Amino acid sequence: MILSSSKISELPKSIGTLENLEELRANNFVNLKGEISSEIAGLSQLEILSLSGTKVNRLPMTINQLFNLRQLELHNCMEFQLLPNLPTSVTRLDLMSSSL
């Protein structure tokens, strides 16, 4: 699922029901802020998560349950503060923040 710039401020909790989703790109959602919902752990097939250019400041601890996650993109997330333990499947991490 590739979402282009939008005015949403958070991902819906129902996002976790998309268990077969392999790619989620919410790049440049300038209104997307705060912590991503722990319901993201329901995306058991997720391989790519890209939140670059958002105001997300942390990922939930449940991200370590995404055993298929290979790529995590948090480039230009200037308010990002806390990176929890990631699953060992992650082979690419792109992170830039002025708050770490």
C-alpha atoms as a PDB file:
ATOM      1  CA  MET A   1       0.000   0.000   0.000  1.00  0.00           C
ATOM      2  CA  ILE A   2       1.539   3.254  -1.125  1.00  0.00           C
ATOM      3  CA  LEU A   3      -0.108   6.326   0.277  1.00  0.00           C
ATOM      4  CA  SER A   4       0.795   9.730  -1.065  1.00  0.00           C
ATOM      5  CA  SER A   5       0.737  12.944   0.939  1.00  0.00           C
ATOM      6  CA  SER A   6      -2.372  13.059   3.076  1.00  0.00           C
ATOM      7  CA  LYS A   7      -3.834  15.034   5.933  1.00  0.00           C
ATOM      8  CA  ILE A   8      -4.215  12.076   8.291  1.00  0.00           C
ATOM      9  CA  SER A   9      -2.547  12.512  11.669  1.00  0.00           C
ATOM     10  CA  GLU A  10      -2.397   8.838  12.673  1.00  0.00           C
ATOM     11  CA  LEU A  11      -2.666   5.411  11.130  1.00  0.00           C
ATOM     12  CA  PRO A  12      -5.982   3.800  12.069  1.00  0.00           C
ATOM     13  CA  LYS A  13      -5.908   1.033  14.658  1.00  0.00           C
ATOM     14  CA  SER A  14      -7.620  -1.173  12.083  1.00  0.00           C
ATOM     15  CA  ILE A  15      -4.349  -1.181  10.105  1.00  0.00           C
ATOM     16  CA  GLY A  16      -3.466  -4.358  12.007  1.00  0.00           C
ATOM     17  CA  THR A  17      -6.218  -6.265  10.199  1.00  0.00           C
ATOM     18  CA  LEU A  18      -4.301  -6.058   6.903  1.00  0.00           C
ATOM     19  CA  GLU A  19      -2.270  -9.139   7.790  1.00  0.00           C
ATOM     20  CA  ASN A  20      -1.246  -9.872   4.176  1.00  0.00           C
ATOM     21  CA  LEU A  21       0.079  -6.366   3.508  1.00  0.00           C
ATOM     22  CA  GLU A  22       3.732  -6.561   2.429  1.00  0.00           C
ATOM     23  CA  GLU A  23       4.569  -2.896   1.937  1.00  0.00           C
ATOM     24  CA  LEU A  24       3.361   0.252   3.680  1.00  0.00           C
ATOM     25  CA  ARG A  25       4.640   3.608   2.511  1.00  0.00           C
ATOM     26  CA  ALA A  26       3.267   6.729   4.170  1.00  0.00           C
ATOM     27  CA  ASN A  27       6.016   9.095   3.052  1.00  0.00           C
ATOM     28  CA  ASN A  28       5.692  12.842   3.520  1.00  0.00           C
ATOM     29  CA  PHE A  29       2.528  12.682   5.620  1.00  0.00           C
ATOM     30  CA  VAL A  30       3.501  15.879   7.411  1.00  0.00           C
ATOM     31  CA  ASN A  31       0.505  15.584   9.747  1.00  0.00           C
ATOM     32  CA  LEU A  32       1.347  11.997  10.767  1.00  0.00           C
ATOM     33  CA  LYS A  33       2.803  12.394  14.240  1.00  0.00           C
ATOM     34  CA  GLY A  34       3.320  10.774  17.620  1.00  0.00           C
ATOM     35  CA  GLU A  35       3.689   7.042  18.157  1.00  0.00           C
ATOM     36  CA  ILE A  36       2.556   4.513  15.579  1.00  0.00           C
ATOM     37  CA  SER A  37      -0.185   2.250  16.962  1.00  0.00           C
ATOM     38  CA  SER A  38       0.897  -1.059  18.489  1.00  0.00           C
ATOM     39  CA  GLU A  39      -1.725  -2.657  16.217  1.00  0.00           C
ATOM     40  CA  ILE A  40       0.917  -2.557  13.496  1.00  0.00           C
ATOM     41  CA  ALA A  41       2.082  -5.900  14.915  1.00  0.00           C
ATOM     42  CA  GLY A  42      -0.868  -7.466  13.079  1.00  0.00           C
ATOM     43  CA  LEU A  43       0.881  -6.832   9.752  1.00  0.00           C
ATOM     44  CA  SER A  44       2.579 -10.206   9.907  1.00  0.00           C
ATOM     45  CA  GLN A  45       3.666 -10.205   6.239  1.00  0.00           C
ATOM     46  CA  LEU A  46       5.023  -6.639   6.217  1.00  0.00           C
ATOM     47  CA  GLU A  47       8.433  -6.419   4.549  1.00  0.00           C
ATOM     48  CA  ILE A  48       8.807  -2.673   3.981  1.00  0.00           C
ATOM     49  CA  LEU A  49       7.698   0.124   6.293  1.00  0.00           C
ATOM     50  CA  SER A  50       8.437   3.650   5.142  1.00  0.00           C
ATOM     51  CA  LEU A  51       7.450   6.633   7.247  1.00  0.00           C
ATOM     52  CA  SER A  52      10.023   9.076   5.852  1.00  0.00           C
ATOM     53  CA  GLY A  53       9.173  12.755   6.077  1.00  0.00           C
ATOM     54  CA  THR A  54       6.604  12.354   8.869  1.00  0.00           C
ATOM     55  CA  LYS A  55       6.502  13.679  12.435  1.00  0.00           C
ATOM     56  CA  VAL A  56       6.392  10.197  13.948  1.00  0.00           C
ATOM     57  CA  ASN A  57       8.435  10.231  17.150  1.00  0.00           C
ATOM     58  CA  ARG A  58       8.482   6.549  18.059  1.00  0.00           C
ATOM     59  CA  LEU A  59       7.584   3.046  17.014  1.00  0.00           C
ATOM     60  CA  PRO A  60       5.744   0.652  19.315  1.00  0.00           C
ATOM     61  CA  MET A  61       7.642  -2.116  21.095  1.00  0.00           C
ATOM     62  CA  THR A  62       5.467  -4.565  19.148  1.00  0.00           C
ATOM     63  CA  ILE A  63       7.438  -3.798  15.984  1.00  0.00           C
ATOM     64  CA  ASN A  64       9.772  -6.622  17.011  1.00  0.00           C
ATOM     65  CA  GLN A  65       6.909  -9.018  16.175  1.00  0.00           C
ATOM     66  CA  LEU A  66       7.165  -8.192  12.466  1.00  0.00           C
ATOM     67  CA  PHE A  67       9.380 -11.146  11.603  1.00  0.00           C
ATOM     68  CA  ASN A  68       9.245 -10.469   7.836  1.00  0.00           C
ATOM     69  CA  LEU A  69      10.234  -6.803   8.075  1.00  0.00           C
ATOM     70  CA  ARG A  70      13.348  -6.250   5.959  1.00  0.00           C
ATOM     71  CA  GLN A  71      13.387  -2.510   5.374  1.00  0.00           C
ATOM     72  CA  LEU A  72      12.559   0.351   7.739  1.00  0.00           C
ATOM     73  CA  GLU A  73      12.715   3.885   6.359  1.00  0.00           C
ATOM     74  CA  LEU A  74      12.564   6.788   8.804  1.00  0.00           C
ATOM     75  CA  HIS A  75      14.548   9.309   6.782  1.00  0.00           C
ATOM     76  CA  ASN A  76      13.854  12.930   7.641  1.00  0.00           C
ATOM     77  CA  CYS A  77      11.747  12.055  10.694  1.00  0.00           C
ATOM     78  CA  MET A  78      13.189  14.953  12.617  1.00  0.00           C
ATOM     79  CA  GLU A  79      11.079  14.366  15.748  1.00  0.00           C
ATOM     80  CA  PHE A  80      11.890  10.665  16.049  1.00  0.00           C
ATOM     81  CA  GLN A  81      13.118   9.888  19.586  1.00  0.00           C
ATOM     82  CA  LEU A  82      13.040   6.184  20.386  1.00  0.00           C
ATOM     83  CA  LEU A  83      13.986   3.167  18.309  1.00  0.00           C
ATOM     84  CA  PRO A  84      12.846  -0.058  19.995  1.00  0.00           C
ATOM     85  CA  ASN A  85      14.418  -3.452  19.395  1.00  0.00           C
ATOM     86  CA  LEU A  86      13.872  -4.427  15.796  1.00  0.00           C
ATOM     87  CA  PRO A  87      13.306  -7.915  14.427  1.00  0.00           C
ATOM     88  CA  THR A  88      16.492  -9.627  13.243  1.00  0.00           C
ATOM     89  CA  SER A  89      15.028  -9.789   9.733  1.00  0.00           C
ATOM     90  CA  VAL A  90      15.694  -6.040   9.222  1.00  0.00           C
ATOM     91  CA  THR A  91      18.580  -5.651   6.785  1.00  0.00           C
ATOM     92  CA  ARG A  92      18.111  -1.986   5.916  1.00  0.00           C
ATOM     93  CA  LEU A  93      17.479   0.888   8.315  1.00  0.00           C
ATOM     94  CA  ASP A  94      17.336   4.454   7.031  1.00  0.00           C
ATOM     95  CA  LEU A  95      16.984   6.903   9.923  1.00  0.00           C
ATOM     96  CA  MET A  96      17.631  10.620  10.237  1.00  0.00           C
ATOM     97  CA  SER A  97      16.397  12.601  13.232  1.00  0.00           C
ATOM     98  CA  SER A  98      17.521  15.665  15.116  1.00  0.00           C
ATOM     99  CA  SER A  99      15.909  14.324  18.304  1.00  0.00           C
ATOM    100  CA  LEU A 100      17.956  11.150  18.855  1.00  0.00           C
END
